[in-house]
Amino acid sequence: MNRRLPIWDHPVLNKEFRQRMRIARTPWIIFLYLGIAGTLIFAYMFLIAHPAGVFHPEGSRFLFIGLSIIQLVLLAFVVPGLTAGVISGERERQTLSVLLTMPLSSGGIILSKWIAALAFVILLILSSLPLYASVFLFGGVSPAEILYTIVHLLVTVCFWGALGVFFSTLVRRTGVAMVTTYCTVAMIMVFLPVALFFINQFYERFVDRPPSPSSLIVELLSGLHPVMTQLSVFYGEMAGMNGGIDIYWMYVAVYAVLSAVLLIAASHFLSPVRRKKKSSSPGSPEGDS
C-alpha cells in the first residue's frame, strides 16, 4: 500500500486540524487577541493625537514597530509550547507505534504535525493584518514595510515550530523537549546581543574604536537575530545595518533553510526503517520508544 499521500489529504493533518480548530475556545482566543490588540492600538492613537485631532505619522510608525516587536516576543513563548510535544506526546500516550504502522510516510507525519501546530499561530498573524492596515492608513509606514514584517513573522514562526518538532522527535519526554526548545530560542534571542556586546568591548579595548555596523562579524550576528533584523526593516539604512550584507534577506534565507533541515532531520529520526534497524542491532533492547 502506498505510504505517500498528498499533504492536503493527509489523515494526520485532517485529524489535527479538526481537533485544534473545532474546540470552543479557538474563536474566543482570536476574538480576545484581536480585541486587546485593537484596544491598545486605538487607545495609543487617542492618547498621542494632537488636540486639534491630527495624528502625527511618526507616532503611527512607532506604534507599528512596537506591535511587530511585541508580537515577535510573544510568539517566542507561544510557538515552542505548541510544537515541542507533537511527537513526544504521541510517544507518552503510547500511540506513536500505532501511528507508524499506518500506511503513512514519516515525512508526511512530521509535516502534518508541523503545519497543524502552526496553523493557529499563522491564523492569529493573518487575522491581525487589518490592525496593521489601520495603522497604515494614518501614514508613517509603507506597504513594503508591512509586507516585510509579515514575511519576517512567518519565517520566524516556521523556524521555531520546526525546532520544536525536531526536539519533540529527538527527545522522549515532552517536558525535556519543551525545555530544550525554549533554551534554544532563548540562546538565539539573548546570546547574539551578548556576543555583539563583547565584540564591541573588545574593539573599544584593543582597537580603540567600536566596530562598524557594516563589519562582517556584526552583520553576520545581527542577521541571525529576530529583533535586530525586524528593526533593520525600519532603521537599517539609518543605523548603517544594510551595508555589504542585507541582514533581512540573510535572516529569511538562513532560517528558511534551517526549518527545512530540521524537518528533514525529524523525519529521519522518526523513520520506522531506522527504528527497526536500531532495535534489531546486536545487544540493543527491544522496547517502545
Protein backbone atom coordinates (compact mmCIF):
# COMPACT_ATOMS: atom_id res chain seq x y z
CA MET A 1 0.00 0.00 0.00
CA ASN A 2 1.38 3.43 -0.92
CA ARG A 3 2.65 5.30 2.10
CA ARG A 4 2.86 8.69 0.34
CA LEU A 5 -0.31 10.78 0.34
CA PRO A 6 -0.88 14.38 -0.76
CA ILE A 7 -0.29 16.64 2.21
CA TRP A 8 -3.70 18.32 1.82
CA ASP A 9 -5.36 14.87 2.04
CA HIS A 10 -3.16 13.54 4.83
CA PRO A 11 -5.24 11.86 7.59
CA VAL A 12 -2.95 13.11 10.37
CA LEU A 13 -3.28 16.69 9.13
CA ASN A 14 -7.06 16.40 8.82
CA LYS A 15 -7.32 14.94 12.32
CA GLU A 16 -5.08 17.62 13.83
CA PHE A 17 -6.98 20.43 12.08
CA ARG A 18 -10.32 19.16 13.29
CA GLN A 19 -9.06 18.60 16.81
CA ARG A 20 -7.39 22.00 17.11
CA MET A 21 -9.84 24.19 15.20
CA ARG A 22 -13.19 22.80 16.32
CA ILE A 23 -12.73 23.36 20.03
CA ALA A 24 -14.96 26.06 21.51
CA ARG A 25 -12.14 28.26 22.79
CA THR A 26 -10.50 28.80 19.39
CA PRO A 27 -12.79 31.64 18.18
CA TRP A 28 -12.74 33.19 21.65
CA ILE A 29 -8.94 33.27 21.68
CA ILE A 30 -8.94 35.03 18.28
CA PHE A 31 -11.61 37.45 19.49
CA LEU A 32 -9.73 38.31 22.69
CA TYR A 33 -6.38 38.59 20.88
CA LEU A 34 -7.73 41.00 18.27
CA GLY A 35 -9.86 42.86 20.81
CA ILE A 36 -6.97 43.50 23.17
CA ALA A 37 -4.58 44.42 20.34
CA GLY A 38 -7.14 46.73 18.73
CA THR A 39 -7.92 48.40 22.05
CA LEU A 40 -4.22 49.07 22.68
CA ILE A 41 -3.74 50.47 19.16
CA PHE A 42 -6.64 52.90 19.23
CA ALA A 43 -6.03 53.88 22.86
CA TYR A 44 -2.45 54.77 21.95
CA MET A 45 -3.63 56.73 18.93
CA PHE A 46 -6.11 58.63 21.07
CA LEU A 47 -3.53 59.46 23.74
CA ILE A 48 -0.86 60.82 21.39
CA ALA A 49 -3.23 62.55 18.98
CA HIS A 50 -2.88 66.29 18.59
CA PRO A 51 -5.55 68.38 20.41
CA ALA A 52 -6.78 69.51 17.01
CA GLY A 53 -7.49 65.88 16.11
CA VAL A 54 -4.36 65.37 14.00
CA PHE A 55 -2.42 62.12 14.37
CA HIS A 56 1.30 62.51 13.66
CA PRO A 57 2.68 59.87 11.23
CA GLU A 58 5.80 59.36 13.37
CA GLY A 59 3.58 58.15 16.23
CA SER A 60 1.93 55.68 13.86
CA ARG A 61 5.33 54.40 12.77
CA PHE A 62 6.47 53.93 16.37
CA LEU A 63 3.22 52.09 17.15
CA PHE A 64 3.68 49.73 14.19
CA ILE A 65 7.27 48.91 15.20
CA GLY A 66 6.23 48.31 18.80
CA LEU A 67 3.41 45.98 17.73
CA SER A 68 5.70 43.93 15.50
CA ILE A 69 8.36 43.54 18.20
CA ILE A 70 5.81 42.66 20.91
CA GLN A 71 4.16 40.10 18.66
CA LEU A 72 7.57 38.60 17.84
CA VAL A 73 8.46 38.21 21.52
CA LEU A 74 5.04 36.74 22.38
CA LEU A 75 5.37 34.17 19.61
CA ALA A 76 8.74 33.13 21.05
CA PHE A 77 6.81 31.94 24.12
CA VAL A 78 3.78 30.51 22.31
CA VAL A 79 5.22 28.52 19.38
CA PRO A 80 7.62 26.19 21.30
CA GLY A 81 4.80 25.28 23.66
CA LEU A 82 2.58 24.30 20.72
CA THR A 83 5.15 22.23 18.83
CA ALA A 84 7.50 20.66 21.39
CA GLY A 85 5.01 17.93 22.29
CA VAL A 86 3.57 16.89 18.94
CA ILE A 87 5.66 13.69 18.65
CA SER A 88 6.80 13.13 22.22
CA GLY A 89 3.17 13.46 23.32
CA GLU A 90 2.20 10.62 20.97
CA ARG A 91 5.08 8.61 22.41
CA GLU A 92 3.97 9.24 26.02
CA ARG A 93 0.37 8.28 25.17
CA GLN A 94 1.78 5.10 23.55
CA THR A 95 0.10 5.93 20.25
CA LEU A 96 3.26 6.61 18.23
CA SER A 97 3.79 2.92 17.38
CA VAL A 98 0.23 2.69 16.12
CA LEU A 99 0.74 5.84 14.04
CA LEU A 100 3.91 4.43 12.48
CA THR A 101 2.21 1.17 11.50
CA MET A 102 -0.30 3.08 9.36
CA PRO A 103 0.40 3.47 5.61
CA LEU A 104 1.87 6.94 6.13
CA SER A 105 5.36 8.24 5.48
CA SER A 106 7.37 9.62 8.39
CA GLY A 107 7.89 12.84 6.41
CA GLY A 108 4.14 13.23 5.95
CA ILE A 109 3.53 12.71 9.67
CA ILE A 110 6.17 15.31 10.60
CA LEU A 111 4.94 17.83 8.05
CA SER A 112 1.30 17.34 9.07
CA LYS A 113 2.10 17.81 12.75
CA TRP A 114 4.17 20.91 11.97
CA ILE A 115 1.52 22.52 9.77
CA ALA A 116 -1.31 21.76 12.19
CA ALA A 117 0.63 23.12 15.17
CA LEU A 118 1.46 26.36 13.35
CA ALA A 119 -1.93 26.79 11.67
CA PHE A 120 -3.46 28.54 14.67
CA VAL A 121 -0.45 30.84 15.13
CA ILE A 122 -0.47 31.76 11.45
CA LEU A 123 -4.22 32.36 11.72
CA LEU A 124 -3.55 34.86 14.51
CA ILE A 125 -0.90 36.61 12.42
CA LEU A 126 -3.14 36.83 9.36
CA SER A 127 -6.14 37.95 11.39
CA SER A 128 -4.06 40.83 12.76
CA LEU A 129 -3.47 42.22 9.25
CA PRO A 130 -6.49 44.60 9.48
CA LEU A 131 -4.96 46.08 12.64
CA TYR A 132 -1.69 46.70 10.84
CA ALA A 133 -3.66 48.16 7.93
CA SER A 134 -5.45 50.58 10.29
CA VAL A 135 -2.06 51.86 11.40
CA PHE A 136 -1.01 52.12 7.75
CA LEU A 137 -3.98 54.41 6.99
CA PHE A 138 -2.55 57.11 9.27
CA GLY A 139 0.76 57.18 7.40
CA GLY A 140 4.32 56.74 8.56
CA VAL A 141 4.56 53.12 7.34
CA SER A 142 4.97 51.96 3.75
CA PRO A 143 3.25 48.89 2.25
CA ALA A 144 6.67 47.29 1.73
CA GLU A 145 7.45 47.57 5.45
CA ILE A 146 4.16 45.86 6.31
CA LEU A 147 4.90 43.07 3.83
CA TYR A 148 8.44 42.61 5.15
CA THR A 149 7.12 42.46 8.71
CA ILE A 150 4.57 39.74 7.89
CA VAL A 151 7.14 37.68 5.96
CA HIS A 152 9.60 38.04 8.86
CA LEU A 153 6.97 36.83 11.36
CA LEU A 154 6.01 33.85 9.21
CA VAL A 155 9.63 32.76 8.68
CA THR A 156 10.36 33.11 12.40
CA VAL A 157 7.27 31.13 13.39
CA CYS A 158 8.09 28.38 10.89
CA PHE A 159 11.63 28.07 12.25
CA TRP A 160 10.59 27.97 15.90
CA GLY A 161 7.91 25.42 15.01
CA ALA A 162 10.40 23.23 13.14
CA LEU A 163 12.76 23.50 16.11
CA GLY A 164 10.03 22.30 18.47
CA VAL A 165 9.07 19.39 16.19
CA PHE A 166 12.73 18.36 15.86
CA PHE A 167 13.33 18.22 19.62
CA SER A 168 9.95 16.54 20.12
CA THR A 169 11.12 13.77 17.79
CA LEU A 170 14.64 13.58 19.20
CA VAL A 171 13.72 13.62 22.91
CA ARG A 172 11.41 11.08 24.51
CA ARG A 173 9.77 13.31 27.14
CA THR A 174 7.60 16.32 26.31
CA GLY A 175 8.87 18.32 29.29
CA VAL A 176 12.50 17.85 28.29
CA ALA A 177 11.73 18.63 24.65
CA MET A 178 9.91 21.81 25.63
CA VAL A 179 12.70 22.99 27.92
CA THR A 180 15.31 22.25 25.23
CA THR A 181 13.31 24.20 22.63
CA TYR A 182 12.82 27.18 24.94
CA CYS A 183 16.52 27.19 25.84
CA THR A 184 17.50 27.17 22.15
CA VAL A 185 15.13 30.06 21.39
CA ALA A 186 16.46 31.94 24.43
CA MET A 187 20.03 31.43 23.25
CA ILE A 188 19.16 32.96 19.88
CA MET A 189 17.32 35.88 21.46
CA VAL A 190 19.86 36.59 24.24
CA PHE A 191 23.23 35.11 23.23
CA LEU A 192 23.59 37.04 19.97
CA PRO A 193 23.16 40.52 21.57
CA VAL A 194 25.54 39.46 24.36
CA ALA A 195 28.09 38.35 21.76
CA LEU A 196 27.76 41.69 19.97
CA PHE A 197 28.27 43.49 23.30
CA PHE A 198 31.52 41.61 23.99
CA ILE A 199 32.73 42.23 20.44
CA ASN A 200 32.07 45.93 20.95
CA GLN A 201 34.00 45.87 24.25
CA PHE A 202 36.90 44.03 22.58
CA TYR A 203 37.11 46.62 19.80
CA GLU A 204 37.00 49.53 22.24
CA ARG A 205 39.70 47.99 24.43
CA PHE A 206 42.17 46.73 21.82
CA VAL A 207 41.33 48.66 18.65
CA ASP A 208 40.37 51.96 20.31
CA ARG A 209 37.16 52.25 18.32
CA PRO A 210 33.80 50.45 18.23
CA PRO A 211 33.16 48.03 15.36
CA SER A 212 31.39 49.43 12.32
CA PRO A 213 27.76 48.27 11.86
CA SER A 214 28.76 47.19 8.36
CA SER A 215 31.67 44.98 9.52
CA LEU A 216 31.28 41.31 8.58
CA ILE A 217 31.08 39.83 12.10
CA VAL A 218 28.47 42.38 13.20
CA GLU A 219 26.39 41.80 10.08
CA LEU A 220 26.51 38.02 10.44
CA LEU A 221 25.45 38.05 14.10
CA SER A 222 22.81 40.74 13.53
CA GLY A 223 21.45 38.81 10.56
CA LEU A 224 20.66 35.85 12.82
CA HIS A 225 18.73 37.79 15.46
CA PRO A 226 14.94 38.16 15.03
CA VAL A 227 14.54 41.58 16.66
CA MET A 228 17.58 43.17 15.00
CA THR A 229 16.52 42.02 11.55
CA GLN A 230 12.99 43.27 12.19
CA LEU A 231 14.34 46.67 13.22
CA SER A 232 16.54 46.74 10.12
CA VAL A 233 13.34 47.00 8.04
CA PHE A 234 12.67 50.42 9.59
CA TYR A 235 16.08 51.71 10.71
CA GLY A 236 18.57 49.65 8.68
CA GLU A 237 19.87 52.43 6.45
CA MET A 238 19.86 54.96 9.29
CA ALA A 239 21.95 52.67 11.53
CA GLY A 240 24.20 51.51 8.69
CA MET A 241 23.00 47.90 9.10
CA ASN A 242 22.41 47.29 5.38
CA GLY A 243 25.98 47.60 4.21
CA GLY A 244 27.70 44.70 2.47
CA ILE A 245 25.03 42.16 3.52
CA ASP A 246 21.29 42.73 3.60
CA ILE A 247 20.68 41.18 7.01
CA TYR A 248 16.92 40.95 6.49
CA TRP A 249 17.15 38.65 3.47
CA MET A 250 20.04 36.81 5.10
CA TYR A 251 17.73 36.08 8.04
CA VAL A 252 14.89 34.92 5.79
CA ALA A 253 17.16 32.64 3.73
CA VAL A 254 19.08 31.13 6.67
CA TYR A 255 16.07 30.33 8.81
CA ALA A 256 14.02 29.05 5.88
CA VAL A 257 16.81 26.58 5.08
CA LEU A 258 17.23 25.66 8.75
CA SER A 259 13.48 24.99 9.02
CA ALA A 260 13.67 22.57 6.09
CA VAL A 261 16.78 20.88 7.52
CA LEU A 262 15.16 20.43 10.95
CA LEU A 263 12.00 18.92 9.44
CA ILE A 264 14.05 16.52 7.29
CA ALA A 265 16.12 15.53 10.33
CA ALA A 266 12.96 14.98 12.38
CA SER A 267 11.58 12.77 9.61
CA HIS A 268 14.84 10.80 9.62
CA PHE A 269 14.71 10.20 13.38
CA LEU A 270 11.04 9.18 13.18
CA SER A 271 11.55 6.78 10.26
CA PRO A 272 10.32 3.26 11.11
CA VAL A 273 13.14 1.74 8.99
CA ARG A 274 15.75 3.48 11.09
CA ARG A 275 13.96 2.49 14.30
CA LYS A 276 13.76 -1.13 13.12
CA LYS A 277 17.48 -1.26 12.31
CA LYS A 278 18.31 0.27 15.68
CA SER A 279 16.14 -2.20 17.61
CA SER A 280 17.44 -5.22 15.68
CA SER A 281 21.13 -4.35 16.16
CA PRO A 282 23.10 -6.80 18.42
CA GLY A 283 22.77 -6.00 22.09
CA SER A 284 20.03 -3.41 21.67
CA PRO A 285 16.95 -3.98 23.88
CA GLU A 286 13.55 -4.21 22.24
CA GLY A 287 11.10 -1.70 23.56
CA ASP A 288 8.60 1.00 22.85
CA SER A 289 10.07 4.36 22.00
